[in-house]
Amino acid sequence: MSEATKDKACELLAQCLVAWRLTGSVARGGDGAILLTCNGIDISVERAPPNLPFRWMVTVAGRKRGAISLPAVLRQVREALDPGYVRNKVRVAVAPLVPS
């Protein structure tokens, strides 16, 4: 991953905190992981090893979970930081335009 991409991912998480009206900090760790602290919760976001079906690994309170995309990372981070957050599930299905 390029340095520019790393900085964009870090900046995305920082701007999400602002959008979610949460006060916290986002920084790049020495090992390349993104370290996020908010509401007394520490979260680490790092690239997954190449042998896993995930692109990212998100660690919250010692529990590491895979995420297939940045939107999945954001969802996990939001759920950890904002207990009042209600996630919306979207289901896409093939169906006729007009019910028969």
C-alpha atoms as a PDB file:
ATOM      1  CA  MET A   1       0.000   0.000   0.000  1.00  0.00           C
ATOM      2  CA  SER A   2       1.380   3.405  -0.912  1.00  0.00           C
ATOM      3  CA  GLU A   3       2.013   6.168   1.626  1.00  0.00           C
ATOM      4  CA  ALA A   4      -0.687   8.310   0.004  1.00  0.00           C
ATOM      5  CA  THR A   5      -3.268   5.540   0.460  1.00  0.00           C
ATOM      6  CA  LYS A   6      -2.241   5.097   4.097  1.00  0.00           C
ATOM      7  CA  ASP A   7      -2.691   8.817   4.726  1.00  0.00           C
ATOM      8  CA  LYS A   8      -6.100   8.812   3.015  1.00  0.00           C
ATOM      9  CA  ALA A   9      -7.356   5.931   5.150  1.00  0.00           C
ATOM     10  CA  CYS A  10      -6.147   7.696   8.289  1.00  0.00           C
ATOM     11  CA  GLU A  11      -7.754  10.971   7.203  1.00  0.00           C
ATOM     12  CA  LEU A  12     -11.006   9.174   6.348  1.00  0.00           C
ATOM     13  CA  LEU A  13     -11.255   7.805   9.886  1.00  0.00           C
ATOM     14  CA  ALA A  14     -10.454  11.225  11.372  1.00  0.00           C
ATOM     15  CA  GLN A  15     -13.150  12.900   9.250  1.00  0.00           C
ATOM     16  CA  CYS A  16     -15.653  10.181  10.175  1.00  0.00           C
ATOM     17  CA  LEU A  17     -15.184  11.042  13.851  1.00  0.00           C
ATOM     18  CA  VAL A  18     -16.055  14.643  12.990  1.00  0.00           C
ATOM     19  CA  ALA A  19     -19.103  13.582  10.951  1.00  0.00           C
ATOM     20  CA  TRP A  20     -20.285  11.300  13.747  1.00  0.00           C
ATOM     21  CA  ARG A  21     -19.803  14.140  16.253  1.00  0.00           C
ATOM     22  CA  LEU A  22     -17.345  12.143  18.321  1.00  0.00           C
ATOM     23  CA  THR A  23     -14.174  13.504  19.887  1.00  0.00           C
ATOM     24  CA  GLY A  24     -11.119  11.344  19.533  1.00  0.00           C
ATOM     25  CA  SER A  25      -7.749  10.977  17.900  1.00  0.00           C
ATOM     26  CA  VAL A  26      -6.476   9.085  14.880  1.00  0.00           C
ATOM     27  CA  ALA A  27      -2.782   8.411  14.336  1.00  0.00           C
ATOM     28  CA  ARG A  28      -0.518   6.094  12.406  1.00  0.00           C
ATOM     29  CA  GLY A  29       1.328   3.606  14.607  1.00  0.00           C
ATOM     30  CA  GLY A  30       4.954   2.639  14.125  1.00  0.00           C
ATOM     31  CA  ASP A  31       3.898  -0.692  12.603  1.00  0.00           C
ATOM     32  CA  GLY A  32       1.668   1.048  10.024  1.00  0.00           C
ATOM     33  CA  ALA A  33      -1.623   0.363  11.799  1.00  0.00           C
ATOM     34  CA  ILE A  34      -4.137   3.167  12.261  1.00  0.00           C
ATOM     35  CA  LEU A  35      -4.724   3.771  15.968  1.00  0.00           C
ATOM     36  CA  LEU A  36      -8.000   5.400  16.919  1.00  0.00           C
ATOM     37  CA  THR A  37      -8.934   6.468  20.453  1.00  0.00           C
ATOM     38  CA  CYS A  38     -12.362   7.802  21.377  1.00  0.00           C
ATOM     39  CA  ASN A  39     -14.624   7.618  24.445  1.00  0.00           C
ATOM     40  CA  GLY A  40     -11.985   5.569  26.273  1.00  0.00           C
ATOM     41  CA  ILE A  41     -12.001   2.937  23.519  1.00  0.00           C
ATOM     42  CA  ASP A  42      -8.842   2.035  21.609  1.00  0.00           C
ATOM     43  CA  ILE A  43      -9.221   0.665  18.082  1.00  0.00           C
ATOM     44  CA  SER A  44      -6.535  -0.582  15.727  1.00  0.00           C
ATOM     45  CA  VAL A  45      -7.082  -0.869  11.971  1.00  0.00           C
ATOM     46  CA  GLU A  46      -4.449  -2.644   9.892  1.00  0.00           C
ATOM     47  CA  ARG A  47      -4.096  -4.419   6.577  1.00  0.00           C
ATOM     48  CA  ALA A  48      -4.934  -8.118   6.769  1.00  0.00           C
ATOM     49  CA  PRO A  49      -2.292 -10.717   5.952  1.00  0.00           C
ATOM     50  CA  PRO A  50      -2.435 -11.855   2.308  1.00  0.00           C
ATOM     51  CA  ASN A  51      -3.636 -15.367   3.201  1.00  0.00           C
ATOM     52  CA  LEU A  52      -6.984 -14.140   4.602  1.00  0.00           C
ATOM     53  CA  PRO A  53     -10.178 -13.337   2.672  1.00  0.00           C
ATOM     54  CA  PHE A  54     -10.270  -9.883   4.277  1.00  0.00           C
ATOM     55  CA  ARG A  55      -8.489  -6.661   3.332  1.00  0.00           C
ATOM     56  CA  TRP A  56      -8.496  -5.137   6.816  1.00  0.00           C
ATOM     57  CA  MET A  57      -8.340  -6.284  10.437  1.00  0.00           C
ATOM     58  CA  VAL A  58     -10.093  -4.205  13.098  1.00  0.00           C
ATOM     59  CA  THR A  59      -9.173  -4.773  16.746  1.00  0.00           C
ATOM     60  CA  VAL A  60     -11.507  -3.469  19.462  1.00  0.00           C
ATOM     61  CA  ALA A  61     -11.005  -4.396  23.136  1.00  0.00           C
ATOM     62  CA  GLY A  62      -8.635  -7.206  22.185  1.00  0.00           C
ATOM     63  CA  ARG A  63     -11.096  -8.755  19.717  1.00  0.00           C
ATOM     64  CA  LYS A  64      -9.820  -8.861  16.132  1.00  0.00           C
ATOM     65  CA  ARG A  65     -12.341  -9.028  13.281  1.00  0.00           C
ATOM     66  CA  GLY A  66     -11.900  -9.023   9.534  1.00  0.00           C
ATOM     67  CA  ALA A  67     -13.401  -6.417   7.218  1.00  0.00           C
ATOM     68  CA  ILE A  68     -13.669  -6.878   3.461  1.00  0.00           C
ATOM     69  CA  SER A  69     -13.701  -3.158   2.614  1.00  0.00           C
ATOM     70  CA  LEU A  70     -13.301   0.335   4.068  1.00  0.00           C
ATOM     71  CA  PRO A  71     -17.100   0.701   4.465  1.00  0.00           C
ATOM     72  CA  ALA A  72     -17.001  -2.476   6.564  1.00  0.00           C
ATOM     73  CA  VAL A  73     -14.165  -0.970   8.644  1.00  0.00           C
ATOM     74  CA  LEU A  74     -16.197   2.206   9.171  1.00  0.00           C
ATOM     75  CA  ARG A  75     -19.243   0.186  10.225  1.00  0.00           C
ATOM     76  CA  GLN A  76     -17.222  -1.756  12.817  1.00  0.00           C
ATOM     77  CA  VAL A  77     -15.606   1.413  14.157  1.00  0.00           C
ATOM     78  CA  ARG A  78     -18.948   3.228  14.366  1.00  0.00           C
ATOM     79  CA  GLU A  79     -20.606   0.322  16.175  1.00  0.00           C
ATOM     80  CA  ALA A  80     -17.757   0.207  18.710  1.00  0.00           C
ATOM     81  CA  LEU A  81     -17.755   3.956  19.395  1.00  0.00           C
ATOM     82  CA  ASP A  82     -21.446   4.786  19.272  1.00  0.00           C
ATOM     83  CA  PRO A  83     -23.663   2.339  21.198  1.00  0.00           C
ATOM     84  CA  GLY A  84     -26.772   4.195  19.974  1.00  0.00           C
ATOM     85  CA  TYR A  85     -25.867   3.623  16.341  1.00  0.00           C
ATOM     86  CA  VAL A  86     -28.396   1.464  14.536  1.00  0.00           C
ATOM     87  CA  ARG A  87     -26.905  -0.172  11.499  1.00  0.00           C
ATOM     88  CA  ASN A  88     -29.008  -0.509   8.396  1.00  0.00           C
ATOM     89  CA  LYS A  89     -28.847  -3.664   6.371  1.00  0.00           C
ATOM     90  CA  VAL A  90     -29.369  -3.451   2.665  1.00  0.00           C
ATOM     91  CA  ARG A  91     -30.512  -6.456   0.711  1.00  0.00           C
ATOM     92  CA  VAL A  92     -30.310  -6.488  -3.041  1.00  0.00           C
ATOM     93  CA  ALA A  93     -32.481  -8.999  -4.866  1.00  0.00           C
ATOM     94  CA  VAL A  94     -33.640  -9.550  -8.402  1.00  0.00           C
ATOM     95  CA  ALA A  95     -37.366  -8.950  -8.636  1.00  0.00           C
ATOM     96  CA  PRO A  96     -39.843  -7.806 -11.254  1.00  0.00           C
ATOM     97  CA  LEU A  97     -40.497  -4.069 -11.419  1.00  0.00           C
ATOM     98  CA  VAL A  98     -44.212  -4.650 -11.023  1.00  0.00           C
ATOM     99  CA  PRO A  99     -45.324  -7.346  -8.568  1.00  0.00           C
ATOM    100  CA  SER A 100     -47.484  -9.976 -10.230  1.00  0.00           C
END
